[in-house]
Amino acid sequence: KLIACDMSKKWTDIGRKFWDEAGIGGKIEVRLGSGKDSVDTLVKEG
């Protein structure tokens, strides 16, 4: 599994199209928002 953190849904949606085409879309989870907020949440989640 890969957790991908980015601010832009527009940009990651471009990637999602190709991830699905490659058959690995299920391996990637996108976390949208500021990088600091995303890593803080992941730390809290353990």
PDB file of all heavy atoms in Angstrom:
ATOM      1  N   LYS A   1       0.835  -1.194   0.000  1.00  0.00           N
ATOM      2  CA  LYS A   1       0.000   0.000   0.000  1.00  0.00           C
ATOM      3  C   LYS A   1       0.869   1.243   0.000  1.00  0.00           C
ATOM      4  O   LYS A   1       1.910   1.294   0.658  1.00  0.00           O
ATOM      5  CB  LYS A   1      -0.919   0.014   1.222  1.00  0.00           C
ATOM      6  CG  LYS A   1      -1.891   1.194   1.261  1.00  0.00           C
ATOM      7  CD  LYS A   1      -2.864   1.078   2.423  1.00  0.00           C
ATOM      8  CE  LYS A   1      -3.870   2.224   2.418  1.00  0.00           C
ATOM      9  NZ  LYS A   1      -4.843   2.127   3.539  1.00  0.00           N
ATOM     10  N   LEU A   2       0.432   2.251  -0.736  1.00  0.00           N
ATOM     11  CA  LEU A   2       1.104   3.550  -0.766  1.00  0.00           C
ATOM     12  C   LEU A   2       0.093   4.627  -0.407  1.00  0.00           C
ATOM     13  O   LEU A   2      -0.986   4.686  -0.999  1.00  0.00           O
ATOM     14  CB  LEU A   2       1.699   3.820  -2.152  1.00  0.00           C
ATOM     15  CG  LEU A   2       2.542   5.091  -2.306  1.00  0.00           C
ATOM     16  CD1 LEU A   2       3.665   4.878  -3.321  1.00  0.00           C
ATOM     17  CD2 LEU A   2       1.696   6.301  -2.741  1.00  0.00           C
ATOM     18  N   ILE A   3       0.412   5.435   0.586  1.00  0.00           N
ATOM     19  CA  ILE A   3      -0.431   6.576   0.934  1.00  0.00           C
ATOM     20  C   ILE A   3       0.191   7.814   0.302  1.00  0.00           C
ATOM     21  O   ILE A   3       1.346   8.154   0.573  1.00  0.00           O
ATOM     22  CB  ILE A   3      -0.578   6.738   2.450  1.00  0.00           C
ATOM     23  CG1 ILE A   3      -1.392   5.566   3.015  1.00  0.00           C
ATOM     24  CG2 ILE A   3      -1.252   8.070   2.789  1.00  0.00           C
ATOM     25  CD1 ILE A   3      -1.676   5.656   4.497  1.00  0.00           C
ATOM     26  N   ALA A   4      -0.571   8.465  -0.569  1.00  0.00           N
ATOM     27  CA  ALA A   4      -0.100   9.616  -1.339  1.00  0.00           C
ATOM     28  C   ALA A   4      -0.751  10.886  -0.803  1.00  0.00           C
ATOM     29  O   ALA A   4      -1.965  11.021  -0.835  1.00  0.00           O
ATOM     30  CB  ALA A   4      -0.433   9.429  -2.818  1.00  0.00           C
ATOM     31  N   CYS A   5       0.068  11.808  -0.327  1.00  0.00           N
ATOM     32  CA  CYS A   5      -0.427  13.060   0.254  1.00  0.00           C
ATOM     33  C   CYS A   5      -0.179  14.227  -0.700  1.00  0.00           C
ATOM     34  O   CYS A   5       0.955  14.423  -1.151  1.00  0.00           O
ATOM     35  CB  CYS A   5       0.268  13.342   1.589  1.00  0.00           C
ATOM     36  SG  CYS A   5       0.119  12.029   2.806  1.00  0.00           S
ATOM     37  N   ASP A   6      -1.218  14.978  -0.989  1.00  0.00           N
ATOM     38  CA  ASP A   6      -1.071  16.131  -1.866  1.00  0.00           C
ATOM     39  C   ASP A   6      -2.194  17.129  -1.596  1.00  0.00           C
ATOM     40  O   ASP A   6      -3.255  16.764  -1.079  1.00  0.00           O
ATOM     41  CB  ASP A   6      -1.088  15.705  -3.340  1.00  0.00           C
ATOM     42  CG  ASP A   6      -0.428  16.728  -4.250  1.00  0.00           C
ATOM     43  OD1 ASP A   6      -1.097  17.700  -4.651  1.00  0.00           O
ATOM     44  OD2 ASP A   6       0.771  16.577  -4.549  1.00  0.00           O
ATOM     45  N   MET A   7      -1.953  18.372  -1.998  1.00  0.00           N
ATOM     46  CA  MET A   7      -2.953  19.431  -1.839  1.00  0.00           C
ATOM     47  C   MET A   7      -4.015  19.408  -2.927  1.00  0.00           C
ATOM     48  O   MET A   7      -5.129  19.874  -2.730  1.00  0.00           O
ATOM     49  CB  MET A   7      -2.255  20.803  -1.873  1.00  0.00           C
ATOM     50  CG  MET A   7      -1.414  21.127  -0.659  1.00  0.00           C
ATOM     51  SD  MET A   7      -2.430  21.608   0.748  1.00  0.00           S
ATOM     52  CE  MET A   7      -3.067  23.194   0.163  1.00  0.00           C
ATOM     53  N   SER A   8      -3.662  18.870  -4.100  1.00  0.00           N
ATOM     54  CA  SER A   8      -4.494  19.065  -5.281  1.00  0.00           C
ATOM     55  C   SER A   8      -5.270  17.822  -5.714  1.00  0.00           C
ATOM     56  O   SER A   8      -4.668  16.816  -6.116  1.00  0.00           O
ATOM     57  CB  SER A   8      -3.625  19.551  -6.451  1.00  0.00           C
ATOM     58  OG  SER A   8      -4.369  19.606  -7.643  1.00  0.00           O
ATOM     59  N   LYS A   9      -6.582  17.895  -5.669  1.00  0.00           N
ATOM     60  CA  LYS A   9      -7.415  16.817  -6.205  1.00  0.00           C
ATOM     61  C   LYS A   9      -7.287  16.765  -7.724  1.00  0.00           C
ATOM     62  O   LYS A   9      -7.284  15.680  -8.324  1.00  0.00           O
ATOM     63  CB  LYS A   9      -8.876  17.033  -5.803  1.00  0.00           C
ATOM     64  CG  LYS A   9      -9.811  15.902  -6.242  1.00  0.00           C
ATOM     65  CD  LYS A   9     -11.230  16.151  -5.773  1.00  0.00           C
ATOM     66  CE  LYS A   9     -12.132  14.951  -6.060  1.00  0.00           C
ATOM     67  NZ  LYS A   9     -12.229  14.662  -7.508  1.00  0.00           N
ATOM     68  N   LYS A  10      -7.163  17.926  -8.356  1.00  0.00           N
ATOM     69  CA  LYS A  10      -7.035  17.981  -9.812  1.00  0.00           C
ATOM     70  C   LYS A  10      -5.824  17.191 -10.276  1.00  0.00           C
ATOM     71  O   LYS A  10      -5.911  16.402 -11.230  1.00  0.00           O
ATOM     72  CB  LYS A  10      -6.924  19.442 -10.271  1.00  0.00           C
ATOM     73  CG  LYS A  10      -6.713  19.616 -11.757  1.00  0.00           C
ATOM     74  CD  LYS A  10      -6.577  21.085 -12.124  1.00  0.00           C
ATOM     75  CE  LYS A  10      -6.305  21.264 -13.604  1.00  0.00           C
ATOM     76  NZ  LYS A  10      -6.140  22.702 -13.963  1.00  0.00           N
ATOM     77  N   TRP A  11      -4.699  17.391  -9.619  1.00  0.00           N
ATOM     78  CA  TRP A  11      -3.478  16.686 -10.026  1.00  0.00           C
ATOM     79  C   TRP A  11      -3.559  15.189  -9.716  1.00  0.00           C
ATOM     80  O   TRP A  11      -3.214  14.357 -10.557  1.00  0.00           O
ATOM     81  CB  TRP A  11      -2.271  17.297  -9.333  1.00  0.00           C
ATOM     82  CG  TRP A  11      -1.901  18.657  -9.842  1.00  0.00           C
ATOM     83  CD1 TRP A  11      -2.320  19.247 -10.995  1.00  0.00           C
ATOM     84  CD2 TRP A  11      -1.033  19.598  -9.201  1.00  0.00           C
ATOM     85  NE1 TRP A  11      -1.765  20.492 -11.124  1.00  0.00           N
ATOM     86  CE2 TRP A  11      -0.977  20.736 -10.033  1.00  0.00           C
ATOM     87  CE3 TRP A  11      -0.312  19.598  -8.003  1.00  0.00           C
ATOM     88  CZ2 TRP A  11      -0.204  21.857  -9.709  1.00  0.00           C
ATOM     89  CZ3 TRP A  11       0.458  20.716  -7.675  1.00  0.00           C
ATOM     90  CH2 TRP A  11       0.504  21.830  -8.525  1.00  0.00           C
ATOM     91  N   THR A  12      -4.009  14.845  -8.518  1.00  0.00           N
ATOM     92  CA  THR A  12      -4.055  13.431  -8.158  1.00  0.00           C
ATOM     93  C   THR A  12      -5.115  12.677  -8.958  1.00  0.00           C
ATOM     94  O   THR A  12      -4.972  11.472  -9.188  1.00  0.00           O
ATOM     95  CB  THR A  12      -4.291  13.245  -6.650  1.00  0.00           C
ATOM     96  OG1 THR A  12      -5.450  13.985  -6.245  1.00  0.00           O
ATOM     97  CG2 THR A  12      -3.082  13.738  -5.850  1.00  0.00           C
ATOM     98  N   ASP A  13      -6.164  13.369  -9.399  1.00  0.00           N
ATOM     99  CA  ASP A  13      -7.158  12.720 -10.255  1.00  0.00           C
ATOM    100  C   ASP A  13      -6.559  12.320 -11.601  1.00  0.00           C
ATOM    101  O   ASP A  13      -6.962  11.316 -12.194  1.00  0.00           O
ATOM    102  CB  ASP A  13      -8.358  13.641 -10.480  1.00  0.00           C
ATOM    103  CG  ASP A  13      -9.342  13.619  -9.326  1.00  0.00           C
ATOM    104  OD1 ASP A  13      -9.181  12.779  -8.414  1.00  0.00           O
ATOM    105  OD2 ASP A  13     -10.286  14.446  -9.316  1.00  0.00           O
ATOM    106  N   ILE A  14      -5.599  13.114 -12.086  1.00  0.00           N
ATOM    107  CA  ILE A  14      -4.883  12.729 -13.305  1.00  0.00           C
ATOM    108  C   ILE A  14      -4.167  11.410 -13.064  1.00  0.00           C
ATOM    109  O   ILE A  14      -4.230  10.474 -13.858  1.00  0.00           O
ATOM    110  CB  ILE A  14      -3.882  13.825 -13.723  1.00  0.00           C
ATOM    111  CG1 ILE A  14      -4.623  15.088 -14.163  1.00  0.00           C
ATOM    112  CG2 ILE A  14      -2.965  13.320 -14.853  1.00  0.00           C
ATOM    113  CD1 ILE A  14      -3.716  16.284 -14.412  1.00  0.00           C
ATOM    114  N   GLY A  15      -3.466  11.343 -11.933  1.00  0.00           N
ATOM    115  CA  GLY A  15      -2.752  10.118 -11.597  1.00  0.00           C
ATOM    116  C   GLY A  15      -3.684   8.933 -11.443  1.00  0.00           C
ATOM    117  O   GLY A  15      -3.381   7.828 -11.915  1.00  0.00           O
ATOM    118  N   ARG A  16      -4.828   9.158 -10.786  1.00  0.00           N
ATOM    119  CA  ARG A  16      -5.753   8.058 -10.529  1.00  0.00           C
ATOM    120  C   ARG A  16      -6.152   7.328 -11.803  1.00  0.00           C
ATOM    121  O   ARG A  16      -6.254   6.094 -11.837  1.00  0.00           O
ATOM    122  CB  ARG A  16      -7.009   8.609  -9.821  1.00  0.00           C
ATOM    123  CG  ARG A  16      -8.129   7.610  -9.613  1.00  0.00           C
ATOM    124  CD  ARG A  16      -7.734   6.505  -8.675  1.00  0.00           C
ATOM    125  NE  ARG A  16      -7.456   6.997  -7.326  1.00  0.00           N
ATOM    126  CZ  ARG A  16      -6.908   6.251  -6.367  1.00  0.00           C
ATOM    127  NH1 ARG A  16      -6.561   4.993  -6.632  1.00  0.00           N
ATOM    128  NH2 ARG A  16      -6.696   6.756  -5.167  1.00  0.00           N
ATOM    129  N   LYS A  17      -6.356   8.073 -12.862  1.00  0.00           N
ATOM    130  CA  LYS A  17      -6.737   7.473 -14.144  1.00  0.00           C
ATOM    131  C   LYS A  17      -5.681   6.471 -14.612  1.00  0.00           C
ATOM    132  O   LYS A  17      -5.994   5.362 -15.066  1.00  0.00           O
ATOM    133  CB  LYS A  17      -6.924   8.578 -15.180  1.00  0.00           C
ATOM    134  CG  LYS A  17      -7.224   8.107 -16.589  1.00  0.00           C
ATOM    135  CD  LYS A  17      -7.451   9.294 -17.515  1.00  0.00           C
ATOM    136  CE  LYS A  17      -6.197  10.144 -17.670  1.00  0.00           C
ATOM    137  NZ  LYS A  17      -6.378  11.239 -18.665  1.00  0.00           N
ATOM    138  N   PHE A  18      -4.421   6.846 -14.479  1.00  0.00           N
ATOM    139  CA  PHE A  18      -3.330   5.980 -14.926  1.00  0.00           C
ATOM    140  C   PHE A  18      -3.060   4.857 -13.927  1.00  0.00           C
ATOM    141  O   PHE A  18      -2.691   3.745 -14.333  1.00  0.00           O
ATOM    142  CB  PHE A  18      -2.074   6.820 -15.167  1.00  0.00           C
ATOM    143  CG  PHE A  18      -2.176   7.724 -16.358  1.00  0.00           C
ATOM    144  CD1 PHE A  18      -2.618   9.029 -16.229  1.00  0.00           C
ATOM    145  CD2 PHE A  18      -1.846   7.271 -17.633  1.00  0.00           C
ATOM    146  CE1 PHE A  18      -2.731   9.871 -17.327  1.00  0.00           C
ATOM    147  CE2 PHE A  18      -1.955   8.091 -18.747  1.00  0.00           C
ATOM    148  CZ  PHE A  18      -2.397   9.399 -18.590  1.00  0.00           C
ATOM    149  N   TRP A  19      -3.224   5.134 -12.645  1.00  0.00           N
ATOM    150  CA  TRP A  19      -3.043   4.066 -11.645  1.00  0.00           C
ATOM    151  C   TRP A  19      -4.036   2.942 -11.897  1.00  0.00           C
ATOM    152  O   TRP A  19      -3.671   1.764 -11.860  1.00  0.00           O
ATOM    153  CB  TRP A  19      -3.256   4.612 -10.234  1.00  0.00           C
ATOM    154  CG  TRP A  19      -2.358   5.734  -9.830  1.00  0.00           C
ATOM    155  CD1 TRP A  19      -1.141   6.056 -10.370  1.00  0.00           C
ATOM    156  CD2 TRP A  19      -2.610   6.713  -8.809  1.00  0.00           C
ATOM    157  NE1 TRP A  19      -0.621   7.170  -9.743  1.00  0.00           N
ATOM    158  CE2 TRP A  19      -1.495   7.590  -8.782  1.00  0.00           C
ATOM    159  CE3 TRP A  19      -3.668   6.925  -7.918  1.00  0.00           C
ATOM    160  CZ2 TRP A  19      -1.414   8.662  -7.894  1.00  0.00           C
ATOM    161  CZ3 TRP A  19      -3.587   7.987  -7.036  1.00  0.00           C
ATOM    162  CH2 TRP A  19      -2.473   8.845  -7.012  1.00  0.00           C
ATOM    163  N   ASP A  20      -5.289   3.335 -12.168  1.00  0.00           N
ATOM    164  CA  ASP A  20      -6.306   2.319 -12.427  1.00  0.00           C
ATOM    165  C   ASP A  20      -6.003   1.558 -13.710  1.00  0.00           C
ATOM    166  O   ASP A  20      -6.197   0.330 -13.780  1.00  0.00           O
ATOM    167  CB  ASP A  20      -7.692   2.966 -12.519  1.00  0.00           C
ATOM    168  CG  ASP A  20      -8.191   3.478 -11.169  1.00  0.00           C
ATOM    169  OD1 ASP A  20      -7.655   3.049 -10.133  1.00  0.00           O
ATOM    170  OD2 ASP A  20      -9.115   4.322 -11.160  1.00  0.00           O
ATOM    171  N   GLU A  21      -5.528   2.282 -14.708  1.00  0.00           N
ATOM    172  CA  GLU A  21      -5.190   1.629 -15.979  1.00  0.00           C
ATOM    173  C   GLU A  21      -4.073   0.605 -15.783  1.00  0.00           C
ATOM    174  O   GLU A  21      -4.051  -0.447 -16.440  1.00  0.00           O
ATOM    175  CB  GLU A  21      -4.766   2.678 -17.007  1.00  0.00           C
ATOM    176  CG  GLU A  21      -4.488   2.113 -18.391  1.00  0.00           C
ATOM    177  CD  GLU A  21      -4.099   3.185 -19.400  1.00  0.00           C
ATOM    178  OE1 GLU A  21      -4.355   4.383 -19.128  1.00  0.00           O
ATOM    179  OE2 GLU A  21      -3.548   2.824 -20.455  1.00  0.00           O
ATOM    180  N   ALA A  22      -3.149   0.906 -14.877  1.00  0.00           N
ATOM    181  CA  ALA A  22      -2.030  -0.002 -14.617  1.00  0.00           C
ATOM    182  C   ALA A  22      -2.417  -1.156 -13.701  1.00  0.00           C
ATOM    183  O   ALA A  22      -1.626  -2.075 -13.483  1.00  0.00           O
ATOM    184  CB  ALA A  22      -0.875   0.768 -13.991  1.00  0.00           C
ATOM    185  N   GLY A  23      -3.624  -1.098 -13.145  1.00  0.00           N
ATOM    186  CA  GLY A  23      -4.095  -2.168 -12.283  1.00  0.00           C
ATOM    187  C   GLY A  23      -3.593  -2.091 -10.858  1.00  0.00           C
ATOM    188  O   GLY A  23      -3.702  -3.068 -10.108  1.00  0.00           O
ATOM    189  N   ILE A  24      -3.060  -0.925 -10.462  1.00  0.00           N
ATOM    190  CA  ILE A  24      -2.531  -0.803  -9.104  1.00  0.00           C
ATOM    191  C   ILE A  24      -3.271   0.294  -8.323  1.00  0.00           C
ATOM    192  O   ILE A  24      -2.814   0.702  -7.255  1.00  0.00           O
ATOM    193  CB  ILE A  24      -1.000  -0.559  -9.099  1.00  0.00           C
ATOM    194  CG1 ILE A  24      -0.594   0.587 -10.049  1.00  0.00           C
ATOM    195  CG2 ILE A  24      -0.259  -1.832  -9.488  1.00  0.00           C
ATOM    196  CD1 ILE A  24      -0.702   1.945  -9.484  1.00  0.00           C
ATOM    197  N   GLY A  25      -4.393   0.764  -8.848  1.00  0.00           N
ATOM    198  CA  GLY A  25      -5.147   1.811  -8.176  1.00  0.00           C
ATOM    199  C   GLY A  25      -5.547   1.439  -6.763  1.00  0.00           C
ATOM    200  O   GLY A  25      -5.597   2.292  -5.872  1.00  0.00           O
ATOM    201  N   GLY A  26      -5.811   0.162  -6.535  1.00  0.00           N
ATOM    202  CA  GLY A  26      -6.207  -0.296  -5.211  1.00  0.00           C
ATOM    203  C   GLY A  26      -5.090  -0.240  -4.186  1.00  0.00           C
ATOM    204  O   GLY A  26      -5.350  -0.317  -2.980  1.00  0.00           O
ATOM    205  N   LYS A  27      -3.856  -0.121  -4.652  1.00  0.00           N
ATOM    206  CA  LYS A  27      -2.718  -0.038  -3.730  1.00  0.00           C
ATOM    207  C   LYS A  27      -2.501   1.381  -3.213  1.00  0.00           C
ATOM    208  O   LYS A  27      -1.745   1.572  -2.250  1.00  0.00           O
ATOM    209  CB  LYS A  27      -1.429  -0.480  -4.427  1.00  0.00           C
ATOM    210  CG  LYS A  27      -1.328  -1.942  -4.795  1.00  0.00           C
ATOM    211  CD  LYS A  27       0.044  -2.205  -5.422  1.00  0.00           C
ATOM    212  CE  LYS A  27       0.228  -3.645  -5.839  1.00  0.00           C
ATOM    213  NZ  LYS A  27       1.570  -3.878  -6.439  1.00  0.00           N
ATOM    214  N   ILE A  28      -3.105   2.382  -3.875  1.00  0.00           N
ATOM    215  CA  ILE A  28      -2.801   3.779  -3.563  1.00  0.00           C
ATOM    216  C   ILE A  28      -3.993   4.458  -2.895  1.00  0.00           C
ATOM    217  O   ILE A  28      -5.102   4.471  -3.427  1.00  0.00           O
ATOM    218  CB  ILE A  28      -2.395   4.547  -4.833  1.00  0.00           C
ATOM    219  CG1 ILE A  28      -1.169   3.895  -5.481  1.00  0.00           C
ATOM    220  CG2 ILE A  28      -2.109   6.010  -4.504  1.00  0.00           C
ATOM    221  CD1 ILE A  28      -0.770   4.519  -6.811  1.00  0.00           C
ATOM    222  N   GLU A  29      -3.739   5.031  -1.743  1.00  0.00           N
ATOM    223  CA  GLU A  29      -4.745   5.817  -1.022  1.00  0.00           C
ATOM    224  C   GLU A  29      -4.298   7.276  -1.022  1.00  0.00           C
ATOM    225  O   GLU A  29      -3.186   7.590  -0.594  1.00  0.00           O
ATOM    226  CB  GLU A  29      -4.873   5.329   0.423  1.00  0.00           C
ATOM    227  CG  GLU A  29      -5.807   6.178   1.276  1.00  0.00           C
ATOM    228  CD  GLU A  29      -5.776   5.804   2.739  1.00  0.00           C
ATOM    229  OE1 GLU A  29      -5.360   4.671   3.068  1.00  0.00           O
ATOM    230  OE2 GLU A  29      -6.159   6.657   3.577  1.00  0.00           O
ATOM    231  N   VAL A  30      -5.145   8.166  -1.497  1.00  0.00           N
ATOM    232  CA  VAL A  30      -4.824   9.591  -1.558  1.00  0.00           C
ATOM    233  C   VAL A  30      -5.336  10.293  -0.309  1.00  0.00           C
ATOM    234  O   VAL A  30      -6.487  10.101   0.093  1.00  0.00           O
ATOM    235  CB  VAL A  30      -5.428  10.246  -2.822  1.00  0.00           C
ATOM    236  CG1 VAL A  30      -5.203  11.755  -2.801  1.00  0.00           C
ATOM    237  CG2 VAL A  30      -4.818   9.633  -4.081  1.00  0.00           C
ATOM    238  N   ARG A  31      -4.471  11.095   0.295  1.00  0.00           N
ATOM    239  CA  ARG A  31      -4.863  11.959   1.413  1.00  0.00           C
ATOM    240  C   ARG A  31      -4.720  13.404   0.930  1.00  0.00           C
ATOM    241  O   ARG A  31      -3.610  13.864   0.659  1.00  0.00           O
ATOM    242  CB  ARG A  31      -3.956  11.727   2.627  1.00  0.00           C
ATOM    243  CG  ARG A  31      -3.997  10.309   3.208  1.00  0.00           C
ATOM    244  CD  ARG A  31      -5.211  10.083   4.066  1.00  0.00           C
ATOM    245  NE  ARG A  31      -5.205   8.770   4.693  1.00  0.00           N
ATOM    246  CZ  ARG A  31      -5.015   8.561   6.001  1.00  0.00           C
ATOM    247  NH1 ARG A  31      -4.805   9.590   6.813  1.00  0.00           N
ATOM    248  NH2 ARG A  31      -5.040   7.337   6.494  1.00  0.00           N
ATOM    249  N   LEU A  32      -5.845  14.102   0.794  1.00  0.00           N
ATOM    250  CA  LEU A  32      -5.833  15.474   0.318  1.00  0.00           C
ATOM    251  C   LEU A  32      -5.773  16.453   1.485  1.00  0.00           C
ATOM    252  O   LEU A  32      -6.377  16.233   2.531  1.00  0.00           O
ATOM    253  CB  LEU A  32      -7.075  15.765  -0.527  1.00  0.00           C
ATOM    254  CG  LEU A  32      -7.181  15.052  -1.871  1.00  0.00           C
ATOM    255  CD1 LEU A  32      -8.543  15.323  -2.506  1.00  0.00           C
ATOM    256  CD2 LEU A  32      -6.061  15.490  -2.816  1.00  0.00           C
ATOM    257  N   GLY A  33      -5.023  17.540   1.283  1.00  0.00           N
ATOM    258  CA  GLY A  33      -4.884  18.558   2.310  1.00  0.00           C
ATOM    259  C   GLY A  33      -3.437  18.971   2.434  1.00  0.00           C
ATOM    260  O   GLY A  33      -2.574  18.518   1.659  1.00  0.00           O
ATOM    261  N   SER A  34      -3.152  19.838   3.375  1.00  0.00           N
ATOM    262  CA  SER A  34      -1.767  20.262   3.554  1.00  0.00           C
ATOM    263  C   SER A  34      -0.930  19.082   4.016  1.00  0.00           C
ATOM    264  O   SER A  34      -1.409  18.184   4.717  1.00  0.00           O
ATOM    265  CB  SER A  34      -1.681  21.390   4.590  1.00  0.00           C
ATOM    266  OG  SER A  34      -1.813  20.887   5.904  1.00  0.00           O
ATOM    267  N   GLY A  35       0.336  19.086   3.608  1.00  0.00           N
ATOM    268  CA  GLY A  35       1.217  17.995   3.996  1.00  0.00           C
ATOM    269  C   GLY A  35       1.340  17.868   5.499  1.00  0.00           C
ATOM    270  O   GLY A  35       1.353  16.753   6.048  1.00  0.00           O
ATOM    271  N   LYS A  36       1.413  19.004   6.183  1.00  0.00           N
ATOM    272  CA  LYS A  36       1.555  18.975   7.637  1.00  0.00           C
ATOM    273  C   LYS A  36       0.333  18.363   8.305  1.00  0.00           C
ATOM    274  O   LYS A  36       0.456  17.548   9.230  1.00  0.00           O
ATOM    275  CB  LYS A  36       1.824  20.385   8.162  1.00  0.00           C
ATOM    276  CG  LYS A  36       3.198  20.924   7.749  1.00  0.00           C
ATOM    277  CD  LYS A  36       3.445  22.313   8.302  1.00  0.00           C
ATOM    278  CE  LYS A  36       4.830  22.805   7.891  1.00  0.00           C
ATOM    279  NZ  LYS A  36       5.113  24.170   8.411  1.00  0.00           N
ATOM    280  N   ASP A  37      -0.854  18.728   7.824  1.00  0.00           N
ATOM    281  CA  ASP A  37      -2.072  18.153   8.387  1.00  0.00           C
ATOM    282  C   ASP A  37      -2.128  16.641   8.132  1.00  0.00           C
ATOM    283  O   ASP A  37      -2.529  15.860   9.009  1.00  0.00           O
ATOM    284  CB  ASP A  37      -3.312  18.810   7.795  1.00  0.00           C
ATOM    285  CG  ASP A  37      -3.530  20.228   8.310  1.00  0.00           C
ATOM    286  OD1 ASP A  37      -2.897  20.591   9.324  1.00  0.00           O
ATOM    287  OD2 ASP A  37      -4.331  20.967   7.693  1.00  0.00           O
ATOM    288  N   SER A  38      -1.709  16.243   6.944  1.00  0.00           N
ATOM    289  CA  SER A  38      -1.763  14.826   6.583  1.00  0.00           C
ATOM    290  C   SER A  38      -0.831  13.989   7.449  1.00  0.00           C
ATOM    291  O   SER A  38      -1.216  12.926   7.961  1.00  0.00           O
ATOM    292  CB  SER A  38      -1.409  14.636   5.103  1.00  0.00           C
ATOM    293  OG  SER A  38      -2.405  15.198   4.271  1.00  0.00           O
ATOM    294  N   VAL A  39       0.412  14.453   7.630  1.00  0.00           N
ATOM    295  CA  VAL A  39       1.343  13.659   8.446  1.00  0.00           C
ATOM    296  C   VAL A  39       0.940  13.681   9.912  1.00  0.00           C
ATOM    297  O   VAL A  39       1.104  12.675  10.627  1.00  0.00           O
ATOM    298  CB  VAL A  39       2.808  14.111   8.259  1.00  0.00           C
ATOM    299  CG1 VAL A  39       3.268  13.871   6.822  1.00  0.00           C
ATOM    300  CG2 VAL A  39       3.025  15.561   8.668  1.00  0.00           C
ATOM    301  N   ASP A  40       0.397  14.806  10.384  1.00  0.00           N
ATOM    302  CA  ASP A  40      -0.076  14.866  11.773  1.00  0.00           C
ATOM    303  C   ASP A  40      -1.180  13.841  12.008  1.00  0.00           C
ATOM    304  O   ASP A  40      -1.214  13.158  13.043  1.00  0.00           O
ATOM    305  CB  ASP A  40      -0.598  16.264  12.106  1.00  0.00           C
ATOM    306  CG  ASP A  40       0.508  17.283  12.290  1.00  0.00           C
ATOM    307  OD1 ASP A  40       1.694  16.873  12.395  1.00  0.00           O
ATOM    308  OD2 ASP A  40       0.199  18.492  12.320  1.00  0.00           O
ATOM    309  N   THR A  41      -2.083  13.730  11.036  1.00  0.00           N
ATOM    310  CA  THR A  41      -3.175  12.759  11.150  1.00  0.00           C
ATOM    311  C   THR A  41      -2.633  11.332  11.161  1.00  0.00           C
ATOM    312  O   THR A  41      -3.085  10.490  11.953  1.00  0.00           O
ATOM    313  CB  THR A  41      -4.160  12.930   9.978  1.00  0.00           C
ATOM    314  OG1 THR A  41      -4.738  14.235  10.037  1.00  0.00           O
ATOM    315  CG2 THR A  41      -5.269  11.886  10.044  1.00  0.00           C
ATOM    316  N   LEU A  42      -1.661  11.060  10.302  1.00  0.00           N
ATOM    317  CA  LEU A  42      -1.077   9.720  10.246  1.00  0.00           C
ATOM    318  C   LEU A  42      -0.374   9.369  11.553  1.00  0.00           C
ATOM    319  O   LEU A  42      -0.448   8.230  12.025  1.00  0.00           O
ATOM    320  CB  LEU A  42      -0.096   9.623   9.070  1.00  0.00           C
ATOM    321  CG  LEU A  42      -0.734   9.620   7.681  1.00  0.00           C
ATOM    322  CD1 LEU A  42       0.328   9.826   6.603  1.00  0.00           C
ATOM    323  CD2 LEU A  42      -1.491   8.313   7.434  1.00  0.00           C
ATOM    324  N   VAL A  43       0.312  10.349  12.143  1.00  0.00           N
ATOM    325  CA  VAL A  43       0.965  10.109  13.440  1.00  0.00           C
ATOM    326  C   VAL A  43      -0.080   9.768  14.492  1.00  0.00           C
ATOM    327  O   VAL A  43       0.082   8.829  15.287  1.00  0.00           O
ATOM    328  CB  VAL A  43       1.795  11.335  13.867  1.00  0.00           C
ATOM    329  CG1 VAL A  43       2.254  11.188  15.320  1.00  0.00           C
ATOM    330  CG2 VAL A  43       3.010  11.517  12.956  1.00  0.00           C
ATOM    331  N   LYS A  44      -1.199  10.516  14.503  1.00  0.00           N
ATOM    332  CA  LYS A  44      -2.267  10.253  15.466  1.00  0.00           C
ATOM    333  C   LYS A  44      -2.888   8.876  15.243  1.00  0.00           C
ATOM    334  O   LYS A  44      -3.313   8.208  16.192  1.00  0.00           O
ATOM    335  CB  LYS A  44      -3.345  11.328  15.356  1.00  0.00           C
ATOM    336  CG  LYS A  44      -2.912  12.694  15.866  1.00  0.00           C
ATOM    337  CD  LYS A  44      -4.005  13.736  15.643  1.00  0.00           C
ATOM    338  CE  LYS A  44      -3.547  15.118  16.094  1.00  0.00           C
ATOM    339  NZ  LYS A  44      -4.572  16.168  15.812  1.00  0.00           N
ATOM    340  N   GLU A  45      -2.939   8.458  13.974  1.00  0.00           N
ATOM    341  CA  GLU A  45      -3.514   7.148  13.654  1.00  0.00           C
ATOM    342  C   GLU A  45      -2.576   6.008  14.022  1.00  0.00           C
ATOM    343  O   GLU A  45      -2.981   4.839  14.039  1.00  0.00           O
ATOM    344  CB  GLU A  45      -3.844   7.072  12.163  1.00  0.00           C
ATOM    345  CG  GLU A  45      -4.998   7.976  11.739  1.00  0.00           C
ATOM    346  CD  GLU A  45      -5.214   7.972  10.231  1.00  0.00           C
ATOM    347  OE1 GLU A  45      -4.439   7.292   9.520  1.00  0.00           O
ATOM    348  OE2 GLU A  45      -6.159   8.635   9.769  1.00  0.00           O
ATOM    349  N   GLY A  46      -1.316   6.322  14.285  1.00  0.00           N
ATOM    350  CA  GLY A  46      -0.346   5.294  14.648  1.00  0.00           C
ATOM    351  C   GLY A  46       0.071   4.416  13.488  1.00  0.00           C
ATOM    352  O   GLY A  46       0.480   3.266  13.670  1.00  0.00           O
TER     353      GLY A  46
END
